[in-house]
PDB file of N, CA and C in Angstrom:
ATOM      1  N   MET A   1       9.906 -12.344  -6.099  1.00  0.00           N
ATOM      2  CA  MET A   1      10.379 -11.602  -7.251  1.00  0.00           C
ATOM      3  C   MET A   1      10.056 -10.114  -7.063  1.00  0.00           C
ATOM      4  N   THR A   2      11.023  -9.291  -7.245  1.00  0.00           N
ATOM      5  CA  THR A   2      10.846  -7.854  -7.096  1.00  0.00           C
ATOM      6  C   THR A   2      10.475  -7.228  -8.436  1.00  0.00           C
ATOM      7  N   VAL A   3       9.457  -6.391  -8.419  1.00  0.00           N
ATOM      8  CA  VAL A   3       9.065  -5.603  -9.587  1.00  0.00           C
ATOM      9  C   VAL A   3       9.617  -4.206  -9.359  1.00  0.00           C
ATOM     10  N   GLN A   4      10.309  -3.667 -10.355  1.00  0.00           N
ATOM     11  CA  GLN A   4      10.956  -2.374 -10.180  1.00  0.00           C
ATOM     12  C   GLN A   4      10.369  -1.339 -11.138  1.00  0.00           C
ATOM     13  N   PHE A   5      10.154  -0.141 -10.604  1.00  0.00           N
ATOM     14  CA  PHE A   5       9.657   1.000 -11.365  1.00  0.00           C
ATOM     15  C   PHE A   5      10.504   2.214 -11.032  1.00  0.00           C
ATOM     16  N   THR A   6      10.598   3.139 -11.967  1.00  0.00           N
ATOM     17  CA  THR A   6      11.064   4.469 -11.595  1.00  0.00           C
ATOM     18  C   THR A   6       9.870   5.140 -10.915  1.00  0.00           C
ATOM     19  N   HIS A   7      10.127   6.219 -10.208  1.00  0.00           N
ATOM     20  CA  HIS A   7       9.037   6.935  -9.549  1.00  0.00           C
ATOM     21  C   HIS A   7       8.004   7.404 -10.588  1.00  0.00           C
ATOM     22  N   ALA A   8       8.471   7.926 -11.702  1.00  0.00           N
ATOM     23  CA  ALA A   8       7.564   8.395 -12.754  1.00  0.00           C
ATOM     24  C   ALA A   8       6.725   7.239 -13.316  1.00  0.00           C
ATOM     25  N   GLU A   9       7.343   6.093 -13.543  1.00  0.00           N
ATOM     26  CA  GLU A   9       6.597   4.925 -14.041  1.00  0.00           C
ATOM     27  C   GLU A   9       5.537   4.478 -13.038  1.00  0.00           C
ATOM     28  N   PHE A  10       5.897   4.487 -11.761  1.00  0.00           N
ATOM     29  CA  PHE A  10       4.951   4.106 -10.722  1.00  0.00           C
ATOM     30  C   PHE A  10       3.752   5.052 -10.708  1.00  0.00           C
ATOM     31  N   LEU A  11       4.010   6.359 -10.756  1.00  0.00           N
ATOM     32  CA  LEU A  11       2.918   7.333 -10.761  1.00  0.00           C
ATOM     33  C   LEU A  11       2.039   7.176 -11.995  1.00  0.00           C
ATOM     34  N   ASP A  12       2.655   6.934 -13.150  1.00  0.00           N
ATOM     35  CA  ASP A  12       1.882   6.708 -14.382  1.00  0.00           C
ATOM     36  C   ASP A  12       0.994   5.474 -14.251  1.00  0.00           C
ATOM     37  N   GLU A  13       1.532   4.404 -13.674  1.00  0.00           N
ATOM     38  CA  GLU A  13       0.756   3.175 -13.500  1.00  0.00           C
ATOM     39  C   GLU A  13      -0.396   3.390 -12.519  1.00  0.00           C
ATOM     40  N   ALA A  14      -0.138   4.124 -11.449  1.00  0.00           N
ATOM     41  CA  ALA A  14      -1.202   4.421 -10.479  1.00  0.00           C
ATOM     42  C   ALA A  14      -2.316   5.240 -11.138  1.00  0.00           C
ATOM     43  N   LYS A  15      -1.959   6.224 -11.937  1.00  0.00           N
ATOM     44  CA  LYS A  15      -2.968   7.037 -12.636  1.00  0.00           C
ATOM     45  C   LYS A  15      -3.727   6.208 -13.654  1.00  0.00           C
ATOM     46  N   ARG A  16      -3.038   5.301 -14.333  1.00  0.00           N
ATOM     47  CA  ARG A  16      -3.703   4.450 -15.322  1.00  0.00           C
ATOM     48  C   ARG A  16      -4.749   3.569 -14.643  1.00  0.00           C
ATOM     49  N   ARG A  17      -4.411   3.037 -13.474  1.00  0.00           N
ATOM     50  CA  ARG A  17      -5.328   2.137 -12.778  1.00  0.00           C
ATOM     51  C   ARG A  17      -6.450   2.854 -12.047  1.00  0.00           C
ATOM     52  N   PHE A  18      -6.147   4.035 -11.477  1.00  0.00           N
ATOM     53  CA  PHE A  18      -7.091   4.658 -10.548  1.00  0.00           C
ATOM     54  C   PHE A  18      -7.559   6.050 -10.933  1.00  0.00           C
ATOM     55  N   GLY A  19      -7.039   6.614 -11.996  1.00  0.00           N
ATOM     56  CA  GLY A  19      -7.455   7.958 -12.383  1.00  0.00           C
ATOM     57  C   GLY A  19      -6.645   9.025 -11.666  1.00  0.00           C
ATOM     58  N   GLN A  20      -7.172  10.239 -11.698  1.00  0.00           N
ATOM     59  CA  GLN A  20      -6.420  11.404 -11.222  1.00  0.00           C
ATOM     60  C   GLN A  20      -6.476  11.633  -9.717  1.00  0.00           C
ATOM     61  N   ASP A  21      -7.463  11.063  -9.017  1.00  0.00           N
ATOM     62  CA  ASP A  21      -7.573  11.298  -7.579  1.00  0.00           C
ATOM     63  C   ASP A  21      -6.649  10.352  -6.825  1.00  0.00           C
ATOM     64  N   PRO A  22      -5.573  10.863  -6.224  1.00  0.00           N
ATOM     65  CA  PRO A  22      -4.632   9.992  -5.526  1.00  0.00           C
ATOM     66  C   PRO A  22      -5.269   9.210  -4.377  1.00  0.00           C
ATOM     67  N   LEU A  23      -6.356   9.704  -3.810  1.00  0.00           N
ATOM     68  CA  LEU A  23      -7.003   8.998  -2.707  1.00  0.00           C
ATOM     69  C   LEU A  23      -7.648   7.689  -3.148  1.00  0.00           C
ATOM     70  N   ASP A  24      -7.809   7.508  -4.461  1.00  0.00           N
ATOM     71  CA  ASP A  24      -8.359   6.253  -4.985  1.00  0.00           C
ATOM     72  C   ASP A  24      -7.302   5.162  -5.132  1.00  0.00           C
ATOM     73  N   ILE A  25      -6.026   5.522  -5.056  1.00  0.00           N
ATOM     74  CA  ILE A  25      -4.955   4.542  -5.218  1.00  0.00           C
ATOM     75  C   ILE A  25      -5.042   3.527  -4.078  1.00  0.00           C
ATOM     76  N   ALA A  26      -4.982   2.244  -4.433  1.00  0.00           N
ATOM     77  CA  ALA A  26      -5.099   1.174  -3.438  1.00  0.00           C
ATOM     78  C   ALA A  26      -3.958   0.178  -3.610  1.00  0.00           C
ATOM     79  N   PHE A  27      -3.543  -0.373  -2.484  1.00  0.00           N
ATOM     80  CA  PHE A  27      -2.447  -1.330  -2.432  1.00  0.00           C
ATOM     81  C   PHE A  27      -2.924  -2.629  -1.804  1.00  0.00           C
ATOM     82  N   ILE A  28      -2.246  -3.724  -2.162  1.00  0.00           N
ATOM     83  CA  ILE A  28      -2.536  -5.041  -1.599  1.00  0.00           C
ATOM     84  C   ILE A  28      -1.417  -5.403  -0.628  1.00  0.00           C
ATOM     85  N   CYS A  29      -1.774  -5.701   0.604  1.00  0.00           N
ATOM     86  CA  CYS A  29      -0.769  -6.144   1.568  1.00  0.00           C
ATOM     87  C   CYS A  29      -0.295  -7.534   1.150  1.00  0.00           C
ATOM     88  N   PRO A  30       1.006  -7.705   0.940  1.00  0.00           N
ATOM     89  CA  PRO A  30       1.508  -9.017   0.517  1.00  0.00           C
ATOM     90  C   PRO A  30       1.444 -10.087   1.612  1.00  0.00           C
ATOM     91  N   ALA A  31       1.255  -9.679   2.851  1.00  0.00           N
ATOM     92  CA  ALA A  31       1.206 -10.651   3.948  1.00  0.00           C
ATOM     93  C   ALA A  31      -0.202 -11.188   4.181  1.00  0.00           C
ATOM     94  N   CYS A  32      -1.197 -10.299   4.238  1.00  0.00           N
ATOM     95  CA  CYS A  32      -2.556 -10.746   4.579  1.00  0.00           C
ATOM     96  C   CYS A  32      -3.551 -10.603   3.434  1.00  0.00           C
ATOM     97  N   GLY A  33      -3.182  -9.893   2.374  1.00  0.00           N
ATOM     98  CA  GLY A  33      -4.058  -9.735   1.221  1.00  0.00           C
ATOM     99  C   GLY A  33      -5.073  -8.622   1.336  1.00  0.00           C
ATOM    100  N   ASP A  34      -5.070  -7.867   2.445  1.00  0.00           N
ATOM    101  CA  ASP A  34      -6.010  -6.755   2.586  1.00  0.00           C
ATOM    102  C   ASP A  34      -5.733  -5.707   1.514  1.00  0.00           C
ATOM    103  N   VAL A  35      -6.800  -5.149   0.964  1.00  0.00           N
ATOM    104  CA  VAL A  35      -6.692  -4.080  -0.024  1.00  0.00           C
ATOM    105  C   VAL A  35      -7.183  -2.798   0.627  1.00  0.00           C
ATOM    106  N   ALA A  36      -6.340  -1.770   0.615  1.00  0.00           N
ATOM    107  CA  ALA A  36      -6.704  -0.501   1.235  1.00  0.00           C
ATOM    108  C   ALA A  36      -6.324   0.656   0.332  1.00  0.00           C
ATOM    109  N   ALA A  37      -7.263   1.586   0.181  1.00  0.00           N
ATOM    110  CA  ALA A  37      -7.031   2.808  -0.588  1.00  0.00           C
ATOM    111  C   ALA A  37      -6.497   3.899   0.337  1.00  0.00           C
ATOM    112  N   LEU A  38      -5.813   4.861  -0.243  1.00  0.00           N
ATOM    113  CA  LEU A  38      -5.281   5.958   0.556  1.00  0.00           C
ATOM    114  C   LEU A  38      -6.374   6.625   1.379  1.00  0.00           C
ATOM    115  N   ARG A  39      -7.574   6.773   0.831  1.00  0.00           N
ATOM    116  CA  ARG A  39      -8.638   7.467   1.545  1.00  0.00           C
ATOM    117  C   ARG A  39      -9.050   6.747   2.832  1.00  0.00           C
ATOM    118  N   GLU A  40      -8.696   5.476   2.975  1.00  0.00           N
ATOM    119  CA  GLU A  40      -9.047   4.735   4.181  1.00  0.00           C
ATOM    120  C   GLU A  40      -8.092   5.004   5.339  1.00  0.00           C
ATOM    121  N   PHE A  41      -6.947   5.551   5.046  1.00  0.00           N
ATOM    122  CA  PHE A  41      -5.991   5.927   6.080  1.00  0.00           C
ATOM    123  C   PHE A  41      -6.342   7.327   6.575  1.00  0.00           C
ATOM    124  N   THR A  42      -6.081   7.591   7.849  1.00  0.00           N
ATOM    125  CA  THR A  42      -6.295   8.947   8.348  1.00  0.00           C
ATOM    126  C   THR A  42      -5.315   9.872   7.636  1.00  0.00           C
ATOM    127  N   PRO A  43      -5.643  11.161   7.539  1.00  0.00           N
ATOM    128  CA  PRO A  43      -4.715  12.077   6.864  1.00  0.00           C
ATOM    129  C   PRO A  43      -3.289  12.002   7.417  1.00  0.00           C
ATOM    130  N   ASP A  44      -3.140  11.799   8.718  1.00  0.00           N
ATOM    131  CA  ASP A  44      -1.800  11.710   9.308  1.00  0.00           C
ATOM    132  C   ASP A  44      -1.055  10.443   8.890  1.00  0.00           C
ATOM    133  N   ASN A  45      -1.778   9.408   8.493  1.00  0.00           N
ATOM    134  CA  ASN A  45      -1.159   8.127   8.145  1.00  0.00           C
ATOM    135  C   ASN A  45      -1.129   7.841   6.642  1.00  0.00           C
ATOM    136  N   ARG A  46      -1.628   8.727   5.821  1.00  0.00           N
ATOM    137  CA  ARG A  46      -1.672   8.456   4.367  1.00  0.00           C
ATOM    138  C   ARG A  46      -0.306   8.253   3.758  1.00  0.00           C
ATOM    139  N   GLY A  47       0.706   8.865   4.310  1.00  0.00           N
ATOM    140  CA  GLY A  47       2.060   8.682   3.814  1.00  0.00           C
ATOM    141  C   GLY A  47       2.591   7.270   4.024  1.00  0.00           C
ATOM    142  N   ARG A  48       1.887   6.498   4.834  1.00  0.00           N
ATOM    143  CA  ARG A  48       2.284   5.114   5.103  1.00  0.00           C
ATOM    144  C   ARG A  48       1.593   4.119   4.178  1.00  0.00           C
ATOM    145  N   ALA A  49       0.562   4.566   3.481  1.00  0.00           N
ATOM    146  CA  ALA A  49      -0.155   3.670   2.568  1.00  0.00           C
ATOM    147  C   ALA A  49       0.805   3.132   1.522  1.00  0.00           C
ATOM    148  N   GLY A  50       0.699   1.851   1.258  1.00  0.00           N
ATOM    149  CA  GLY A  50       1.596   1.214   0.301  1.00  0.00           C
ATOM    150  C   GLY A  50       2.879   0.709   0.914  1.00  0.00           C
ATOM    151  N   GLN A  51       3.161   1.164   2.128  1.00  0.00           N
ATOM    152  CA  GLN A  51       4.332   0.664   2.840  1.00  0.00           C
ATOM    153  C   GLN A  51       3.955  -0.022   4.141  1.00  0.00           C
ATOM    154  N   GLU A  52       2.759   0.249   4.636  1.00  0.00           N
ATOM    155  CA  GLU A  52       2.275  -0.405   5.843  1.00  0.00           C
ATOM    156  C   GLU A  52       0.866  -0.916   5.607  1.00  0.00           C
ATOM    157  N   CYS A  53       0.572  -2.104   6.095  1.00  0.00           N
ATOM    158  CA  CYS A  53      -0.785  -2.624   6.032  1.00  0.00           C
ATOM    159  C   CYS A  53      -1.680  -1.715   6.878  1.00  0.00           C
ATOM    160  N   ILE A  54      -2.904  -1.539   6.451  1.00  0.00           N
ATOM    161  CA  ILE A  54      -3.830  -0.679   7.188  1.00  0.00           C
ATOM    162  C   ILE A  54      -4.035  -1.178   8.626  1.00  0.00           C
ATOM    163  N   GLY A  55      -3.809  -2.449   8.859  1.00  0.00           N
ATOM    164  CA  GLY A  55      -3.931  -2.990  10.211  1.00  0.00           C
ATOM    165  C   GLY A  55      -3.039  -2.278  11.209  1.00  0.00           C
ATOM    166  N   ARG A  56      -1.878  -1.817  10.763  1.00  0.00           N
ATOM    167  CA  ARG A  56      -0.970  -1.086  11.660  1.00  0.00           C
ATOM    168  C   ARG A  56      -1.622   0.206  12.134  1.00  0.00           C
ATOM    169  N   SER A  57      -2.357   0.873  11.250  1.00  0.00           N
ATOM    170  CA  SER A  57      -3.042   2.112  11.619  1.00  0.00           C
ATOM    171  C   SER A  57      -4.263   1.848  12.489  1.00  0.00           C
ATOM    172  N   LEU A  58      -4.847   0.676  12.337  1.00  0.00           N
ATOM    173  CA  LEU A  58      -6.076   0.354  13.063  1.00  0.00           C
ATOM    174  C   LEU A  58      -5.836  -0.286  14.425  1.00  0.00           C
ATOM    175  N   GLY A  59      -4.608  -0.687  14.722  1.00  0.00           N
ATOM    176  CA  GLY A  59      -4.322  -1.213  16.048  1.00  0.00           C
ATOM    177  C   GLY A  59      -3.551  -2.516  16.125  1.00  0.00           C
ATOM    178  N   ALA A  60      -3.160  -3.083  14.996  1.00  0.00           N
ATOM    179  CA  ALA A  60      -2.465  -4.371  15.014  1.00  0.00           C
ATOM    180  C   ALA A  60      -1.135  -4.328  15.757  1.00  0.00           C
ATOM    181  N   LEU A  61      -0.480  -3.174  15.771  1.00  0.00           N
ATOM    182  CA  LEU A  61       0.810  -3.075  16.471  1.00  0.00           C
ATOM    183  C   LEU A  61       0.650  -3.093  17.985  1.00  0.00           C
ATOM    184  N   SER A  62      -0.442  -2.549  18.474  1.00  0.00           N
ATOM    185  CA  SER A  62      -0.615  -2.441  19.921  1.00  0.00           C
ATOM    186  C   SER A  62      -1.365  -3.619  20.535  1.00  0.00           C
ATOM    187  N   ASP A  63      -1.847  -4.534  19.701  1.00  0.00           N
ATOM    188  CA  ASP A  63      -2.626  -5.671  20.209  1.00  0.00           C
ATOM    189  C   ASP A  63      -2.050  -6.974  19.654  1.00  0.00           C
ATOM    190  N   PRO A  64      -1.306  -7.730  20.457  1.00  0.00           N
ATOM    191  CA  PRO A  64      -0.706  -8.974  19.971  1.00  0.00           C
ATOM    192  C   PRO A  64      -1.733 -10.027  19.543  1.00  0.00           C
ATOM    193  N   GLN A  65      -2.972  -9.889  19.995  1.00  0.00           N
ATOM    194  CA  GLN A  65      -4.046 -10.828  19.634  1.00  0.00           C
ATOM    195  C   GLN A  65      -4.970 -10.221  18.578  1.00  0.00           C
ATOM    196  N   TRP A  66      -4.449  -9.321  17.760  1.00  0.00           N
ATOM    197  CA  TRP A  66      -5.232  -8.570  16.770  1.00  0.00           C
ATOM    198  C   TRP A  66      -6.081  -9.498  15.906  1.00  0.00           C
ATOM    199  N   THR A  67      -7.358  -9.217  15.831  1.00  0.00           N
ATOM    200  CA  THR A  67      -8.265  -9.985  14.966  1.00  0.00           C
ATOM    201  C   THR A  67      -9.034  -9.061  14.033  1.00  0.00           C
ATOM    202  N   GLY A  68      -8.665  -7.787  14.023  1.00  0.00           N
ATOM    203  CA  GLY A  68      -9.332  -6.819  13.161  1.00  0.00           C
ATOM    204  C   GLY A  68      -8.825  -6.899  11.732  1.00  0.00           C
ATOM    205  N   ARG A  69      -9.165  -5.912  10.988  1.00  0.00           N
ATOM    206  CA  ARG A  69      -8.783  -5.834   9.583  1.00  0.00           C
ATOM    207  C   ARG A  69      -7.280  -5.641   9.434  1.00  0.00           C
ATOM    208  N   GLY A  70      -6.698  -6.320   8.458  1.00  0.00           N
ATOM    209  CA  GLY A  70      -5.292  -6.142   8.150  1.00  0.00           C
ATOM    210  C   GLY A  70      -4.367  -6.833   9.141  1.00  0.00           C
ATOM    211  N   CYS A  71      -3.096  -6.491   9.035  1.00  0.00           N
ATOM    212  CA  CYS A  71      -2.066  -7.087   9.890  1.00  0.00           C
ATOM    213  C   CYS A  71      -1.029  -6.021  10.218  1.00  0.00           C
ATOM    214  N   ASN A  72       0.119  -6.415  10.698  1.00  0.00           N
ATOM    215  CA  ASN A  72       1.139  -5.429  11.076  1.00  0.00           C
ATOM    216  C   ASN A  72       2.341  -5.419  10.123  1.00  0.00           C
ATOM    217  N   PHE A  73       2.191  -5.954   8.922  1.00  0.00           N
ATOM    218  CA  PHE A  73       3.295  -6.034   7.964  1.00  0.00           C
ATOM    219  C   PHE A  73       3.684  -4.646   7.454  1.00  0.00           C
ATOM    220  N   ALA A  74       4.973  -4.453   7.230  1.00  0.00           N
ATOM    221  CA  ALA A  74       5.503  -3.219   6.644  1.00  0.00           C
ATOM    222  C   ALA A  74       6.481  -3.573   5.536  1.00  0.00           C
ATOM    223  N   ALA A  75       6.439  -2.836   4.447  1.00  0.00           N
ATOM    224  CA  ALA A  75       7.295  -3.101   3.287  1.00  0.00           C
ATOM    225  C   ALA A  75       8.758  -2.820   3.562  1.00  0.00           C
ATOM    226  N   TYR A  76       9.042  -2.041   4.586  1.00  0.00           N
ATOM    227  CA  TYR A  76      10.415  -1.654   4.887  1.00  0.00           C
ATOM    228  C   TYR A  76      11.025  -2.481   6.020  1.00  0.00           C
ATOM    229  N   GLY A  77      10.362  -3.555   6.402  1.00  0.00           N
ATOM    230  CA  GLY A  77      10.848  -4.377   7.505  1.00  0.00           C
ATOM    231  C   GLY A  77      11.896  -5.375   7.070  1.00  0.00           C
ATOM    232  N   LEU A  78      12.066  -6.388   7.886  1.00  0.00           N
ATOM    233  CA  LEU A  78      13.032  -7.448   7.614  1.00  0.00           C
ATOM    234  C   LEU A  78      12.757  -8.114   6.264  1.00  0.00           C
ATOM    235  N   ILE A  79      11.484  -8.304   5.962  1.00  0.00           N
ATOM    236  CA  ILE A  79      11.072  -8.847   4.659  1.00  0.00           C
ATOM    237  C   ILE A  79      10.476  -7.687   3.873  1.00  0.00           C
ATOM    238  N   PRO A  80      11.190  -7.160   2.876  1.00  0.00           N
ATOM    239  CA  PRO A  80      10.718  -5.961   2.186  1.00  0.00           C
ATOM    240  C   PRO A  80       9.535  -6.240   1.266  1.00  0.00           C
ATOM    241  N   GLY A  81       8.838  -5.170   0.939  1.00  0.00           N
ATOM    242  CA  GLY A  81       7.720  -5.260   0.003  1.00  0.00           C
ATOM    243  C   GLY A  81       8.208  -5.715  -1.361  1.00  0.00           C
ATOM    244  N   PRO A  82       7.325  -6.300  -2.161  1.00  0.00           N
ATOM    245  CA  PRO A  82       7.718  -6.888  -3.439  1.00  0.00           C
ATOM    246  C   PRO A  82       7.960  -5.893  -4.572  1.00  0.00           C
ATOM    247  N   TRP A  83       7.542  -4.656  -4.407  1.00  0.00           N
ATOM    248  CA  TRP A  83       7.801  -3.657  -5.437  1.00  0.00           C
ATOM    249  C   TRP A  83       8.897  -2.721  -4.968  1.00  0.00           C
ATOM    250  N   ALA A  84       9.766  -2.341  -5.894  1.00  0.00           N
ATOM    251  CA  ALA A  84      10.834  -1.383  -5.618  1.00  0.00           C
ATOM    252  C   ALA A  84      10.627  -0.171  -6.517  1.00  0.00           C
ATOM    253  N   ILE A  85      10.542   0.987  -5.901  1.00  0.00           N
ATOM    254  CA  ILE A  85      10.375   2.236  -6.645  1.00  0.00           C
ATOM    255  C   ILE A  85      11.667   3.018  -6.498  1.00  0.00           C
ATOM    256  N   VAL A  86      12.300   3.296  -7.625  1.00  0.00           N
ATOM    257  CA  VAL A  86      13.556   4.033  -7.618  1.00  0.00           C
ATOM    258  C   VAL A  86      13.234   5.515  -7.765  1.00  0.00           C
ATOM    259  N   MET A  87      13.537   6.242  -6.707  1.00  0.00           N
ATOM    260  CA  MET A  87      13.244   7.670  -6.678  1.00  0.00           C
ATOM    261  C   MET A  87      14.246   8.427  -7.545  1.00  0.00           C
ATOM    262  N   ASP A  88      13.930   9.690  -7.826  1.00  0.00           N
ATOM    263  CA  ASP A  88      14.778  10.508  -8.694  1.00  0.00           C
ATOM    264  C   ASP A  88      16.200  10.657  -8.163  1.00  0.00           C
ATOM    265  N   ASP A  89      16.368  10.580  -6.833  1.00  0.00           N
ATOM    266  CA  ASP A  89      17.710  10.717  -6.254  1.00  0.00           C
ATOM    267  C   ASP A  89      18.445   9.378  -6.161  1.00  0.00           C
ATOM    268  N   GLY A  90      17.825   8.299  -6.697  1.00  0.00           N
ATOM    269  CA  GLY A  90      18.462   6.991  -6.711  1.00  0.00           C
ATOM    270  C   GLY A  90      18.083   6.082  -5.554  1.00  0.00           C
ATOM    271  N   ARG A  91      17.420   6.635  -4.520  1.00  0.00           N
ATOM    272  CA  ARG A  91      16.977   5.795  -3.401  1.00  0.00           C
ATOM    273  C   ARG A  91      15.953   4.788  -3.891  1.00  0.00           C
ATOM    274  N   GLU A  92      15.985   3.609  -3.314  1.00  0.00           N
ATOM    275  CA  GLU A  92      14.995   2.585  -3.620  1.00  0.00           C
ATOM    276  C   GLU A  92      14.021   2.502  -2.448  1.00  0.00           C
ATOM    277  N   VAL A  93      12.739   2.674  -2.741  1.00  0.00           N
ATOM    278  CA  VAL A  93      11.687   2.601  -1.732  1.00  0.00           C
ATOM    279  C   VAL A  93      10.876   1.342  -2.020  1.00  0.00           C
ATOM    280  N   ARG A  94      10.727   0.500  -1.014  1.00  0.00           N
ATOM    281  CA  ARG A  94       9.958  -0.732  -1.192  1.00  0.00           C
ATOM    282  C   ARG A  94       8.480  -0.445  -0.963  1.00  0.00           C
ATOM    283  N   SER A  95       7.643  -1.159  -1.697  1.00  0.00           N
ATOM    284  CA  SER A  95       6.212  -0.888  -1.681  1.00  0.00           C
ATOM    285  C   SER A  95       5.404  -2.168  -1.818  1.00  0.00           C
ATOM    286  N   PHE A  96       4.157  -2.089  -1.373  1.00  0.00           N
ATOM    287  CA  PHE A  96       3.180  -3.127  -1.669  1.00  0.00           C
ATOM    288  C   PHE A  96       2.786  -2.971  -3.135  1.00  0.00           C
ATOM    289  N   PRO A  97       2.286  -4.023  -3.767  1.00  0.00           N
ATOM    290  CA  PRO A  97       1.797  -3.884  -5.136  1.00  0.00           C
ATOM    291  C   PRO A  97       0.516  -3.048  -5.175  1.00  0.00           C
ATOM    292  N   LEU A  98       0.332  -2.363  -6.286  1.00  0.00           N
ATOM    293  CA  LEU A  98      -0.935  -1.685  -6.506  1.00  0.00           C
ATOM    294  C   LEU A  98      -2.023  -2.727  -6.738  1.00  0.00           C
ATOM    295  N   ALA A  99      -3.207  -2.457  -6.241  1.00  0.00           N
ATOM    296  CA  ALA A  99      -4.365  -3.295  -6.557  1.00  0.00           C
ATOM    297  C   ALA A  99      -4.843  -2.900  -7.956  1.00  0.00           C
ATOM    298  N   ASP A 100      -5.737  -3.671  -8.525  1.00  0.00           N
ATOM    299  CA  ASP A 100      -6.393  -3.201  -9.735  1.00  0.00           C
ATOM    300  C   ASP A 100      -7.661  -2.473  -9.304  1.00  0.00           C
ATOM    301  N   ARG A 101      -8.209  -1.655 -10.176  1.00  0.00           N
ATOM    302  CA  ARG A 101      -9.349  -0.799  -9.827  1.00  0.00           C
ATOM    303  C   ARG A 101     -10.556  -1.619  -9.349  1.00  0.00           C
ATOM    304  N   LYS A 102     -10.880  -2.702 -10.039  1.00  0.00           N
ATOM    305  CA  LYS A 102     -12.048  -3.499  -9.674  1.00  0.00           C
ATOM    306  C   LYS A 102     -11.881  -4.108  -8.287  1.00  0.00           C
ATOM    307  N   THR A 103     -10.725  -4.692  -8.013  1.00  0.00           N
ATOM    308  CA  THR A 103     -10.472  -5.291  -6.703  1.00  0.00           C
ATOM    309  C   THR A 103     -10.552  -4.229  -5.617  1.00  0.00           C
ATOM    310  N   ALA A 104      -9.981  -3.055  -5.877  1.00  0.00           N
ATOM    311  CA  ALA A 104     -10.006  -1.989  -4.894  1.00  0.00           C
ATOM    312  C   ALA A 104     -11.433  -1.509  -4.618  1.00  0.00           C
ATOM    313  N   GLN A 105     -12.236  -1.377  -5.663  1.00  0.00           N
ATOM    314  CA  GLN A 105     -13.618  -0.930  -5.481  1.00  0.00           C
ATOM    315  C   GLN A 105     -14.403  -1.950  -4.684  1.00  0.00           C
ATOM    316  N   GLU A 106     -14.205  -3.225  -4.965  1.00  0.00           N
ATOM    317  CA  GLU A 106     -14.918  -4.276  -4.234  1.00  0.00           C
ATOM    318  C   GLU A 106     -14.481  -4.312  -2.769  1.00  0.00           C
ATOM    319  N   ALA A 107     -13.192  -4.144  -2.531  1.00  0.00           N
ATOM    320  CA  ALA A 107     -12.656  -4.246  -1.166  1.00  0.00           C
ATOM    321  C   ALA A 107     -13.009  -3.043  -0.312  1.00  0.00           C
ATOM    322  N   THR A 108     -13.138  -1.873  -0.918  1.00  0.00           N
ATOM    323  CA  THR A 108     -13.335  -0.668  -0.136  1.00  0.00           C
ATOM    324  C   THR A 108     -14.793  -0.197  -0.134  1.00  0.00           C
ATOM    325  N   ARG A 109     -15.696  -0.979  -0.687  1.00  0.00           N
ATOM    326  CA  ARG A 109     -17.123  -0.644  -0.635  1.00  0.00           C
ATOM    327  C   ARG A 109     -17.600  -0.644   0.804  1.00  0.00           C
ATOM    328  N   GLY A 110     -18.540   0.201   1.091  1.00  0.00           N
ATOM    329  CA  GLY A 110     -19.120   0.116   2.413  1.00  0.00           C
ATOM    330  C   GLY A 110     -19.258   1.350   3.093  1.00  0.00           C
TER     331      GLY A 110
END
């Protein structure tokens, strides 16, 4: 089932869950269940958060026997992410679901 938001609704929901710091926003990978906040991605890869599992940034794409954190799932692949964000220009961007604040804090502790 696809959940659809306008871009403004998505941003409002992210702020409601995580506050004003965008680096606190966290997503749940629908394939492996890993929860990753934007701050866990390198600055060069933060634009991929919510569309790619953190495993892709950590090495899952280059290692077919990957056993590290996350997986290689992407929301824009053959099987799209479960959330659809409709941008102001009408484009639909697929996304991972937002985590809730408590789950994100528990997952990203350390």
